[in-house]
Amino acid sequence: MPEQDLKAADRYSLGTRQESEIFHLKGANHLGWGMQNRLSNIFDPDTGHAVMLAFDHGYFQGPTSGLERVDLSIVPIARYADTLMLTRGILRSVIPPTYTGGLVLRATGGSSILKELSDEQIAISIDDAVRLNAAALAVQVFIGGEYESQSVHNLTRIIDMGNRHGIATLAVTAVGRDLARDARYMRLATRICAELGATFVKTYYTDDDFETVTSSCPVPIVIAGGKKLPEADALTLAYRAIQEGAAGVDMGRNIFQSDSPAAMIQAVRMVVHEGASAKEALEYYRSLLEDSPRD
């Protein structure tokens, strides 16, 4: 017979209950282990926030200013991003497989800037998303657009595909030219996406009542950077969004079209992960700019 273990109580910590930690993103506590693990590659577990670097513009715009050579403009600064938002074509052809951050792949497409943009279809298979180790798939949703129903159907199909394989779905709320970018519209669009099962939602910041948008959406919201702004304004946008409930920022042009993309993305990180004010982040940006005038 085995020798009696007189220290079992100590070795097995008898009397101490095993604890389960609460997941760091709202609306995600009941998701599977695999999806939570992928979301942890998008949102920093320590802060619950994300700095996403978006450069998927070429799927409908072609070689956007600043993205003519992704290997020269994006690859050197990718290490500063928690997550890259991109197309599978650029991922395979340009991004080094040594990149270990999260990958959010553009999953819909169809029309170029020469046509009606809301006319999109699913543009990737779930098998290819798995092969590329995607953490999430991004779907453009045109609430109020000409092809609203089609885009919503794209979303629900991608959600079902992702759920089967533990891959998250990012719903991207696209705002048409004739629609107001106000809190009322953003509440409508983000809530519809969340109700249909999106894991997180990308939308635009609104100067008024943005807190009602983040409050009424039961899943995390990341804000779109939008058009190029002066660095001070872009950092103020990021600061206000985080203070008012956003879980992250997904910036593209405000980073890769900056005078110093590397300095700008590091300044954005200060706001998102360290709670720095826009003024503090701008001072940091300028200090980096002095050390390295041009990236």
C-alpha atoms as a PDB file:
ATOM      1  CA  MET A   1       0.000   0.000   0.000  1.00  0.00           C
ATOM      2  CA  PRO A   2       1.159   3.532  -0.684  1.00  0.00           C
ATOM      3  CA  GLU A   3       2.486   5.421   2.282  1.00  0.00           C
ATOM      4  CA  GLN A   4      -0.099   7.531   4.033  1.00  0.00           C
ATOM      5  CA  ASP A   5       0.152  11.171   2.973  1.00  0.00           C
ATOM      6  CA  LEU A   6      -0.003  13.161   6.178  1.00  0.00           C
ATOM      7  CA  LYS A   7       0.390  16.494   4.372  1.00  0.00           C
ATOM      8  CA  ALA A   8      -2.456  16.122   1.881  1.00  0.00           C
ATOM      9  CA  ALA A   9      -4.311  19.096   3.313  1.00  0.00           C
ATOM     10  CA  ASP A  10      -1.347  21.333   2.537  1.00  0.00           C
ATOM     11  CA  ARG A  11      -0.524  19.883  -0.876  1.00  0.00           C
ATOM     12  CA  TYR A  12      -4.082  19.963  -2.181  1.00  0.00           C
ATOM     13  CA  SER A  13      -5.052  23.221  -0.478  1.00  0.00           C
ATOM     14  CA  LEU A  14      -8.075  21.588   1.034  1.00  0.00           C
ATOM     15  CA  GLY A  15     -10.595  24.160   2.175  1.00  0.00           C
ATOM     16  CA  THR A  16      -9.618  26.661  -0.557  1.00  0.00           C
ATOM     17  CA  ARG A  17     -12.185  26.978  -3.312  1.00  0.00           C
ATOM     18  CA  GLN A  18     -11.089  27.205  -6.932  1.00  0.00           C
ATOM     19  CA  GLU A  19     -11.956  30.650  -8.250  1.00  0.00           C
ATOM     20  CA  SER A  20     -12.905  31.545 -11.823  1.00  0.00           C
ATOM     21  CA  GLU A  21     -11.972  35.005 -13.007  1.00  0.00           C
ATOM     22  CA  ILE A  22     -14.463  37.310 -14.648  1.00  0.00           C
ATOM     23  CA  PHE A  23     -13.579  37.956 -18.281  1.00  0.00           C
ATOM     24  CA  HIS A  24     -12.376  41.483 -18.978  1.00  0.00           C
ATOM     25  CA  LEU A  25     -14.882  42.435 -21.701  1.00  0.00           C
ATOM     26  CA  LYS A  26     -18.527  43.237 -21.190  1.00  0.00           C
ATOM     27  CA  GLY A  27     -20.974  40.851 -22.788  1.00  0.00           C
ATOM     28  CA  ALA A  28     -18.295  38.176 -23.252  1.00  0.00           C
ATOM     29  CA  ASN A  29     -18.336  36.264 -19.994  1.00  0.00           C
ATOM     30  CA  HIS A  30     -20.403  33.400 -21.408  1.00  0.00           C
ATOM     31  CA  LEU A  31     -18.404  32.911 -24.594  1.00  0.00           C
ATOM     32  CA  GLY A  32     -16.301  29.803 -25.159  1.00  0.00           C
ATOM     33  CA  TRP A  33     -12.658  29.507 -24.129  1.00  0.00           C
ATOM     34  CA  GLY A  34     -11.356  29.736 -27.689  1.00  0.00           C
ATOM     35  CA  MET A  35     -13.258  32.921 -28.495  1.00  0.00           C
ATOM     36  CA  GLN A  36     -12.262  34.533 -25.202  1.00  0.00           C
ATOM     37  CA  ASN A  37      -8.653  33.639 -25.921  1.00  0.00           C
ATOM     38  CA  ARG A  38      -8.881  35.264 -29.357  1.00  0.00           C
ATOM     39  CA  LEU A  39     -10.537  38.356 -27.887  1.00  0.00           C
ATOM     40  CA  SER A  40      -7.619  38.576 -25.453  1.00  0.00           C
ATOM     41  CA  ASN A  41      -5.379  38.969 -28.503  1.00  0.00           C
ATOM     42  CA  ILE A  42      -7.472  41.974 -29.529  1.00  0.00           C
ATOM     43  CA  PHE A  43      -8.185  43.607 -26.159  1.00  0.00           C
ATOM     44  CA  ASP A  44      -5.369  43.808 -23.630  1.00  0.00           C
ATOM     45  CA  PRO A  45      -6.459  41.699 -20.619  1.00  0.00           C
ATOM     46  CA  ASP A  46      -4.761  44.130 -18.221  1.00  0.00           C
ATOM     47  CA  THR A  47      -6.704  47.200 -19.376  1.00  0.00           C
ATOM     48  CA  GLY A  48      -9.659  45.725 -21.283  1.00  0.00           C
ATOM     49  CA  HIS A  49      -8.839  48.164 -24.094  1.00  0.00           C
ATOM     50  CA  ALA A  50      -7.498  47.844 -27.630  1.00  0.00           C
ATOM     51  CA  VAL A  51      -5.456  49.876 -30.075  1.00  0.00           C
ATOM     52  CA  MET A  52      -6.429  48.563 -33.487  1.00  0.00           C
ATOM     53  CA  LEU A  53      -4.519  49.627 -36.595  1.00  0.00           C
ATOM     54  CA  ALA A  54      -6.865  49.665 -39.595  1.00  0.00           C
ATOM     55  CA  PHE A  55      -5.451  49.512 -43.110  1.00  0.00           C
ATOM     56  CA  ASP A  56      -8.085  47.545 -45.005  1.00  0.00           C
ATOM     57  CA  HIS A  57      -9.063  50.594 -47.083  1.00  0.00           C
ATOM     58  CA  GLY A  58      -7.686  49.116 -50.284  1.00  0.00           C
ATOM     59  CA  TYR A  59     -10.496  46.574 -50.574  1.00  0.00           C
ATOM     60  CA  PHE A  60     -12.721  49.303 -52.011  1.00  0.00           C
ATOM     61  CA  GLN A  61     -10.440  52.358 -52.419  1.00  0.00           C
ATOM     62  CA  GLY A  62      -7.336  50.839 -53.956  1.00  0.00           C
ATOM     63  CA  PRO A  63      -3.921  52.258 -52.928  1.00  0.00           C
ATOM     64  CA  THR A  64      -5.030  54.905 -50.439  1.00  0.00           C
ATOM     65  CA  SER A  65      -2.599  57.711 -49.588  1.00  0.00           C
ATOM     66  CA  GLY A  66      -0.225  56.306 -47.013  1.00  0.00           C
ATOM     67  CA  LEU A  67      -0.895  52.704 -48.025  1.00  0.00           C
ATOM     68  CA  GLU A  68       0.823  52.671 -51.395  1.00  0.00           C
ATOM     69  CA  ARG A  69       3.500  50.439 -49.851  1.00  0.00           C
ATOM     70  CA  VAL A  70       2.136  48.607 -46.826  1.00  0.00           C
ATOM     71  CA  ASP A  71       5.484  46.910 -46.339  1.00  0.00           C
ATOM     72  CA  LEU A  72       7.073  50.314 -45.726  1.00  0.00           C
ATOM     73  CA  SER A  73       4.275  52.209 -43.961  1.00  0.00           C
ATOM     74  CA  ILE A  74       2.570  49.575 -41.805  1.00  0.00           C
ATOM     75  CA  VAL A  75       4.966  46.705 -41.108  1.00  0.00           C
ATOM     76  CA  PRO A  76       7.448  48.904 -39.147  1.00  0.00           C
ATOM     77  CA  ILE A  77       4.713  50.130 -36.769  1.00  0.00           C
ATOM     78  CA  ALA A  78       2.642  46.933 -36.497  1.00  0.00           C
ATOM     79  CA  ARG A  79       4.386  46.019 -33.235  1.00  0.00           C
ATOM     80  CA  TYR A  80       2.766  48.999 -31.506  1.00  0.00           C
ATOM     81  CA  ALA A  81      -0.759  47.773 -32.305  1.00  0.00           C
ATOM     82  CA  ASP A  82      -2.702  45.298 -30.204  1.00  0.00           C
ATOM     83  CA  THR A  83      -4.554  44.263 -33.336  1.00  0.00           C
ATOM     84  CA  LEU A  84      -4.340  44.676 -37.088  1.00  0.00           C
ATOM     85  CA  MET A  85      -7.493  45.151 -39.161  1.00  0.00           C
ATOM     86  CA  LEU A  86      -6.747  44.157 -42.736  1.00  0.00           C
ATOM     87  CA  THR A  87      -7.629  42.026 -45.739  1.00  0.00           C
ATOM     88  CA  ARG A  88      -6.452  38.476 -46.201  1.00  0.00           C
ATOM     89  CA  GLY A  89      -4.606  39.475 -49.373  1.00  0.00           C
ATOM     90  CA  ILE A  90      -2.393  41.972 -47.560  1.00  0.00           C
ATOM     91  CA  LEU A  91      -1.949  39.578 -44.641  1.00  0.00           C
ATOM     92  CA  ARG A  92      -0.631  36.810 -46.866  1.00  0.00           C
ATOM     93  CA  SER A  93       1.471  38.956 -49.144  1.00  0.00           C
ATOM     94  CA  VAL A  94       2.983  41.536 -46.782  1.00  0.00           C
ATOM     95  CA  ILE A  95       2.561  40.938 -43.033  1.00  0.00           C
ATOM     96  CA  PRO A  96       5.316  38.783 -41.471  1.00  0.00           C
ATOM     97  CA  PRO A  97       3.959  35.583 -39.885  1.00  0.00           C
ATOM     98  CA  THR A  98       6.043  36.456 -36.822  1.00  0.00           C
ATOM     99  CA  TYR A  99       3.441  39.097 -35.904  1.00  0.00           C
ATOM    100  CA  THR A 100       1.749  37.789 -32.752  1.00  0.00           C
ATOM    101  CA  GLY A 101      -0.989  40.356 -32.105  1.00  0.00           C
ATOM    102  CA  GLY A 102      -4.649  39.937 -32.951  1.00  0.00           C
ATOM    103  CA  LEU A 103      -5.850  39.758 -36.554  1.00  0.00           C
ATOM    104  CA  VAL A 104      -9.227  41.124 -37.603  1.00  0.00           C
ATOM    105  CA  LEU A 105      -9.895  40.157 -41.211  1.00  0.00           C
ATOM    106  CA  ARG A 106     -12.197  42.035 -43.551  1.00  0.00           C
ATOM    107  CA  ALA A 107     -14.887  39.476 -44.382  1.00  0.00           C
ATOM    108  CA  THR A 108     -17.170  41.361 -46.788  1.00  0.00           C
ATOM    109  CA  GLY A 109     -16.671  43.234 -50.015  1.00  0.00           C
ATOM    110  CA  GLY A 110     -17.989  43.719 -53.500  1.00  0.00           C
ATOM    111  CA  SER A 111     -18.327  47.295 -54.657  1.00  0.00           C
ATOM    112  CA  SER A 112     -15.585  49.856 -55.210  1.00  0.00           C
ATOM    113  CA  ILE A 113     -15.810  53.595 -54.613  1.00  0.00           C
ATOM    114  CA  LEU A 114     -17.144  53.794 -58.190  1.00  0.00           C
ATOM    115  CA  LYS A 115     -20.368  51.976 -57.219  1.00  0.00           C
ATOM    116  CA  GLU A 116     -22.928  51.743 -54.409  1.00  0.00           C
ATOM    117  CA  LEU A 117     -20.790  50.760 -51.406  1.00  0.00           C
ATOM    118  CA  SER A 118     -23.567  49.050 -49.455  1.00  0.00           C
ATOM    119  CA  ASP A 119     -23.826  46.287 -52.084  1.00  0.00           C
ATOM    120  CA  GLU A 120     -21.479  43.848 -50.337  1.00  0.00           C
ATOM    121  CA  GLN A 121     -21.308  40.068 -50.077  1.00  0.00           C
ATOM    122  CA  ILE A 122     -19.360  37.697 -47.851  1.00  0.00           C
ATOM    123  CA  ALA A 123     -15.832  37.615 -49.245  1.00  0.00           C
ATOM    124  CA  ILE A 124     -14.035  34.935 -47.211  1.00  0.00           C
ATOM    125  CA  SER A 125     -14.663  31.358 -46.126  1.00  0.00           C
ATOM    126  CA  ILE A 126     -14.466  30.324 -42.504  1.00  0.00           C
ATOM    127  CA  ASP A 127     -11.878  27.712 -43.479  1.00  0.00           C
ATOM    128  CA  ASP A 128      -9.537  30.402 -44.766  1.00  0.00           C
ATOM    129  CA  ALA A 129     -10.121  32.520 -41.651  1.00  0.00           C
ATOM    130  CA  VAL A 130      -9.073  29.535 -39.532  1.00  0.00           C
ATOM    131  CA  ARG A 131      -6.020  28.931 -41.728  1.00  0.00           C
ATOM    132  CA  LEU A 132      -4.960  32.542 -41.229  1.00  0.00           C
ATOM    133  CA  ASN A 133      -5.472  32.375 -37.453  1.00  0.00           C
ATOM    134  CA  ALA A 134      -8.012  35.204 -37.433  1.00  0.00           C
ATOM    135  CA  ALA A 135      -9.149  36.450 -34.041  1.00  0.00           C
ATOM    136  CA  ALA A 136     -12.207  38.130 -35.563  1.00  0.00           C
ATOM    137  CA  LEU A 137     -13.988  38.734 -38.856  1.00  0.00           C
ATOM    138  CA  ALA A 138     -15.166  42.243 -39.743  1.00  0.00           C
ATOM    139  CA  VAL A 139     -18.489  42.789 -41.491  1.00  0.00           C
ATOM    140  CA  GLN A 140     -19.699  46.123 -42.853  1.00  0.00           C
ATOM    141  CA  VAL A 141     -23.315  46.780 -41.823  1.00  0.00           C
ATOM    142  CA  PHE A 142     -25.290  49.501 -43.605  1.00  0.00           C
ATOM    143  CA  ILE A 143     -28.221  50.338 -41.339  1.00  0.00           C
ATOM    144  CA  GLY A 144     -30.462  52.636 -43.357  1.00  0.00           C
ATOM    145  CA  GLY A 145     -28.491  51.961 -46.544  1.00  0.00           C
ATOM    146  CA  GLU A 146     -29.837  50.752 -49.874  1.00  0.00           C
ATOM    147  CA  TYR A 147     -28.666  47.184 -49.199  1.00  0.00           C
ATOM    148  CA  GLU A 148     -29.345  47.203 -45.471  1.00  0.00           C
ATOM    149  CA  SER A 149     -31.043  43.794 -45.375  1.00  0.00           C
ATOM    150  CA  GLN A 150     -28.268  42.152 -47.396  1.00  0.00           C
ATOM    151  CA  SER A 151     -25.568  43.545 -45.114  1.00  0.00           C
ATOM    152  CA  VAL A 152     -27.442  42.384 -42.014  1.00  0.00           C
ATOM    153  CA  HIS A 153     -27.746  38.930 -43.566  1.00  0.00           C
ATOM    154  CA  ASN A 154     -23.986  38.957 -44.190  1.00  0.00           C
ATOM    155  CA  LEU A 155     -23.493  39.755 -40.510  1.00  0.00           C
ATOM    156  CA  THR A 156     -25.664  36.941 -39.206  1.00  0.00           C
ATOM    157  CA  ARG A 157     -24.038  34.385 -41.501  1.00  0.00           C
ATOM    158  CA  ILE A 158     -20.549  35.422 -40.418  1.00  0.00           C
ATOM    159  CA  ILE A 159     -21.636  35.291 -36.749  1.00  0.00           C
ATOM    160  CA  ASP A 160     -22.875  31.714 -37.208  1.00  0.00           C
ATOM    161  CA  MET A 161     -19.702  30.712 -39.068  1.00  0.00           C
ATOM    162  CA  GLY A 162     -17.486  32.310 -36.429  1.00  0.00           C
ATOM    163  CA  ASN A 163     -19.359  30.845 -33.494  1.00  0.00           C
ATOM    164  CA  ARG A 164     -18.819  27.331 -34.847  1.00  0.00           C
ATOM    165  CA  HIS A 165     -15.051  27.889 -34.772  1.00  0.00           C
ATOM    166  CA  GLY A 166     -14.617  30.273 -31.839  1.00  0.00           C
ATOM    167  CA  ILE A 167     -13.863  33.308 -34.005  1.00  0.00           C
ATOM    168  CA  ALA A 168     -15.322  36.660 -32.968  1.00  0.00           C
ATOM    169  CA  THR A 169     -17.348  38.942 -35.235  1.00  0.00           C
ATOM    170  CA  LEU A 170     -16.787  42.682 -35.485  1.00  0.00           C
ATOM    171  CA  ALA A 171     -19.781  44.567 -36.871  1.00  0.00           C
ATOM    172  CA  VAL A 172     -18.682  47.788 -38.572  1.00  0.00           C
ATOM    173  CA  THR A 173     -21.458  50.376 -38.757  1.00  0.00           C
ATOM    174  CA  ALA A 174     -21.183  52.196 -42.062  1.00  0.00           C
ATOM    175  CA  VAL A 175     -22.930  55.555 -42.291  1.00  0.00           C
ATOM    176  CA  GLY A 176     -24.194  56.619 -45.699  1.00  0.00           C
ATOM    177  CA  ARG A 177     -23.751  60.122 -47.076  1.00  0.00           C
ATOM    178  CA  ASP A 178     -27.388  61.003 -46.437  1.00  0.00           C
ATOM    179  CA  LEU A 179     -27.489  59.764 -42.820  1.00  0.00           C
ATOM    180  CA  ALA A 180     -26.661  61.843 -39.758  1.00  0.00           C
ATOM    181  CA  ARG A 181     -23.745  60.673 -37.622  1.00  0.00           C
ATOM    182  CA  ASP A 182     -25.518  61.466 -34.373  1.00  0.00           C
ATOM    183  CA  ALA A 183     -25.996  59.488 -31.182  1.00  0.00           C
ATOM    184  CA  ARG A 184     -29.532  58.482 -32.106  1.00  0.00           C
ATOM    185  CA  TYR A 185     -28.350  56.762 -35.275  1.00  0.00           C
ATOM    186  CA  MET A 186     -25.335  55.183 -33.562  1.00  0.00           C
ATOM    187  CA  ARG A 187     -27.536  53.794 -30.776  1.00  0.00           C
ATOM    188  CA  LEU A 188     -29.795  52.260 -33.392  1.00  0.00           C
ATOM    189  CA  ALA A 189     -27.016  50.749 -35.513  1.00  0.00           C
ATOM    190  CA  THR A 190     -24.839  49.434 -32.686  1.00  0.00           C
ATOM    191  CA  ARG A 191     -27.747  47.921 -30.774  1.00  0.00           C
ATOM    192  CA  ILE A 192     -29.052  46.117 -33.874  1.00  0.00           C
ATOM    193  CA  CYS A 193     -25.605  44.611 -34.458  1.00  0.00           C
ATOM    194  CA  ALA A 194     -25.291  43.496 -30.833  1.00  0.00           C
ATOM    195  CA  GLU A 195     -28.809  42.046 -30.750  1.00  0.00           C
ATOM    196  CA  LEU A 196     -28.010  39.957 -33.821  1.00  0.00           C
ATOM    197  CA  GLY A 197     -24.955  38.494 -32.114  1.00  0.00           C
ATOM    198  CA  ALA A 198     -21.914  40.626 -32.982  1.00  0.00           C
ATOM    199  CA  THR A 199     -19.102  40.098 -30.471  1.00  0.00           C
ATOM    200  CA  PHE A 200     -18.035  43.749 -30.636  1.00  0.00           C
ATOM    201  CA  VAL A 201     -18.934  46.778 -32.726  1.00  0.00           C
ATOM    202  CA  LYS A 202     -16.997  49.495 -34.501  1.00  0.00           C
ATOM    203  CA  THR A 203     -18.750  52.836 -34.856  1.00  0.00           C
ATOM    204  CA  TYR A 204     -18.121  56.568 -34.992  1.00  0.00           C
ATOM    205  CA  TYR A 205     -17.693  58.853 -32.030  1.00  0.00           C
ATOM    206  CA  THR A 206     -20.373  61.508 -31.590  1.00  0.00           C
ATOM    207  CA  ASP A 207     -19.646  64.842 -29.943  1.00  0.00           C
ATOM    208  CA  ASP A 208     -22.935  64.718 -28.062  1.00  0.00           C
ATOM    209  CA  ASP A 209     -24.315  61.853 -25.961  1.00  0.00           C
ATOM    210  CA  PHE A 210     -21.725  59.247 -26.961  1.00  0.00           C
ATOM    211  CA  GLU A 211     -22.058  57.734 -23.496  1.00  0.00           C
ATOM    212  CA  THR A 212     -25.629  56.754 -24.391  1.00  0.00           C
ATOM    213  CA  VAL A 213     -24.227  54.782 -27.343  1.00  0.00           C
ATOM    214  CA  THR A 214     -21.734  52.800 -25.250  1.00  0.00           C
ATOM    215  CA  SER A 215     -24.232  52.371 -22.421  1.00  0.00           C
ATOM    216  CA  SER A 216     -27.028  50.986 -24.595  1.00  0.00           C
ATOM    217  CA  CYS A 217     -24.758  48.562 -26.467  1.00  0.00           C
ATOM    218  CA  PRO A 218     -24.268  45.336 -24.461  1.00  0.00           C
ATOM    219  CA  VAL A 219     -20.972  44.454 -26.184  1.00  0.00           C
ATOM    220  CA  PRO A 220     -17.694  46.417 -26.461  1.00  0.00           C
ATOM    221  CA  ILE A 221     -17.495  49.371 -28.824  1.00  0.00           C
ATOM    222  CA  VAL A 222     -14.365  50.529 -30.602  1.00  0.00           C
ATOM    223  CA  ILE A 223     -14.414  53.846 -32.404  1.00  0.00           C
ATOM    224  CA  ALA A 224     -13.380  54.491 -35.969  1.00  0.00           C
ATOM    225  CA  GLY A 225     -10.726  57.132 -36.463  1.00  0.00           C
ATOM    226  CA  GLY A 226     -12.377  58.447 -39.614  1.00  0.00           C
ATOM    227  CA  LYS A 227     -10.793  61.059 -41.832  1.00  0.00           C
ATOM    228  CA  LYS A 228      -7.342  62.487 -41.110  1.00  0.00           C
ATOM    229  CA  LEU A 229      -7.382  65.039 -38.293  1.00  0.00           C
ATOM    230  CA  PRO A 230      -4.625  67.149 -36.782  1.00  0.00           C
ATOM    231  CA  GLU A 231      -2.772  65.029 -34.218  1.00  0.00           C
ATOM    232  CA  ALA A 232      -4.126  67.044 -31.283  1.00  0.00           C
ATOM    233  CA  ASP A 233      -7.710  66.524 -32.476  1.00  0.00           C
ATOM    234  CA  ALA A 234      -7.214  62.797 -33.112  1.00  0.00           C
ATOM    235  CA  LEU A 235      -5.796  62.292 -29.618  1.00  0.00           C
ATOM    236  CA  THR A 236      -8.689  64.282 -28.138  1.00  0.00           C
ATOM    237  CA  LEU A 237     -11.095  62.055 -30.055  1.00  0.00           C
ATOM    238  CA  ALA A 238      -9.443  58.936 -28.625  1.00  0.00           C
ATOM    239  CA  TYR A 239      -9.383  60.357 -25.099  1.00  0.00           C
ATOM    240  CA  ARG A 240     -13.019  61.400 -25.078  1.00  0.00           C
ATOM    241  CA  ALA A 241     -14.161  58.092 -26.545  1.00  0.00           C
ATOM    242  CA  ILE A 242     -12.321  56.020 -23.923  1.00  0.00           C
ATOM    243  CA  GLN A 243     -13.541  58.273 -21.106  1.00  0.00           C
ATOM    244  CA  GLU A 244     -17.098  57.875 -22.364  1.00  0.00           C
ATOM    245  CA  GLY A 245     -17.107  54.097 -22.461  1.00  0.00           C
ATOM    246  CA  ALA A 246     -15.379  52.922 -25.644  1.00  0.00           C
ATOM    247  CA  ALA A 247     -13.257  49.785 -25.234  1.00  0.00           C
ATOM    248  CA  GLY A 248     -10.780  50.815 -27.884  1.00  0.00           C
ATOM    249  CA  VAL A 249      -9.931  52.794 -30.975  1.00  0.00           C
ATOM    250  CA  ASP A 250      -9.504  51.507 -34.514  1.00  0.00           C
ATOM    251  CA  MET A 251      -7.447  54.156 -36.264  1.00  0.00           C
ATOM    252  CA  GLY A 252      -6.044  54.134 -39.757  1.00  0.00           C
ATOM    253  CA  ARG A 253      -5.560  57.440 -41.560  1.00  0.00           C
ATOM    254  CA  ASN A 254      -4.900  59.303 -38.311  1.00  0.00           C
ATOM    255  CA  ILE A 255      -1.897  57.039 -37.848  1.00  0.00           C
ATOM    256  CA  PHE A 256      -0.485  56.078 -41.236  1.00  0.00           C
ATOM    257  CA  GLN A 257      -1.065  59.575 -42.694  1.00  0.00           C
ATOM    258  CA  SER A 258       0.516  61.264 -39.674  1.00  0.00           C
ATOM    259  CA  ASP A 259       3.844  63.075 -39.994  1.00  0.00           C
ATOM    260  CA  SER A 260       5.239  60.353 -37.738  1.00  0.00           C
ATOM    261  CA  PRO A 261       3.099  57.185 -37.738  1.00  0.00           C
ATOM    262  CA  ALA A 262       5.289  55.450 -35.143  1.00  0.00           C
ATOM    263  CA  ALA A 263       5.091  58.402 -32.755  1.00  0.00           C
ATOM    264  CA  MET A 264       1.357  58.786 -33.298  1.00  0.00           C
ATOM    265  CA  ILE A 265       0.424  55.184 -32.573  1.00  0.00           C
ATOM    266  CA  GLN A 266       2.526  55.256 -29.413  1.00  0.00           C
ATOM    267  CA  ALA A 267       0.744  58.421 -28.310  1.00  0.00           C
ATOM    268  CA  VAL A 268      -2.612  56.759 -28.960  1.00  0.00           C
ATOM    269  CA  ARG A 269      -1.475  53.814 -26.815  1.00  0.00           C
ATOM    270  CA  MET A 270      -0.796  56.232 -23.943  1.00  0.00           C
ATOM    271  CA  VAL A 271      -4.388  57.440 -24.102  1.00  0.00           C
ATOM    272  CA  VAL A 272      -5.988  54.014 -24.486  1.00  0.00           C
ATOM    273  CA  HIS A 273      -3.896  51.924 -22.100  1.00  0.00           C
ATOM    274  CA  GLU A 274      -2.347  54.380 -19.657  1.00  0.00           C
ATOM    275  CA  GLY A 275      -5.203  56.832 -19.218  1.00  0.00           C
ATOM    276  CA  ALA A 276      -3.126  59.768 -20.429  1.00  0.00           C
ATOM    277  CA  SER A 277      -4.899  62.975 -21.335  1.00  0.00           C
ATOM    278  CA  ALA A 278      -4.858  64.227 -24.903  1.00  0.00           C
ATOM    279  CA  LYS A 279      -2.437  66.970 -23.833  1.00  0.00           C
ATOM    280  CA  GLU A 280      -0.023  64.490 -22.226  1.00  0.00           C
ATOM    281  CA  ALA A 281      -0.177  62.230 -25.269  1.00  0.00           C
ATOM    282  CA  LEU A 282       0.442  65.151 -27.622  1.00  0.00           C
ATOM    283  CA  GLU A 283       3.499  66.187 -25.629  1.00  0.00           C
ATOM    284  CA  TYR A 284       4.763  62.616 -25.847  1.00  0.00           C
ATOM    285  CA  TYR A 285       4.125  62.568 -29.593  1.00  0.00           C
ATOM    286  CA  ARG A 286       6.106  65.783 -30.031  1.00  0.00           C
ATOM    287  CA  SER A 287       8.980  64.452 -27.949  1.00  0.00           C
ATOM    288  CA  LEU A 288       9.176  61.362 -30.155  1.00  0.00           C
ATOM    289  CA  LEU A 289       8.948  63.568 -33.228  1.00  0.00           C
ATOM    290  CA  GLU A 290      11.982  65.535 -32.079  1.00  0.00           C
ATOM    291  CA  ASP A 291      13.961  62.326 -31.618  1.00  0.00           C
ATOM    292  CA  SER A 292      12.900  60.935 -34.991  1.00  0.00           C
ATOM    293  CA  PRO A 293      11.661  63.705 -37.330  1.00  0.00           C
ATOM    294  CA  ARG A 294      10.403  61.337 -40.008  1.00  0.00           C
ATOM    295  CA  ASP A 295       9.509  57.614 -39.981  1.00  0.00           C
END
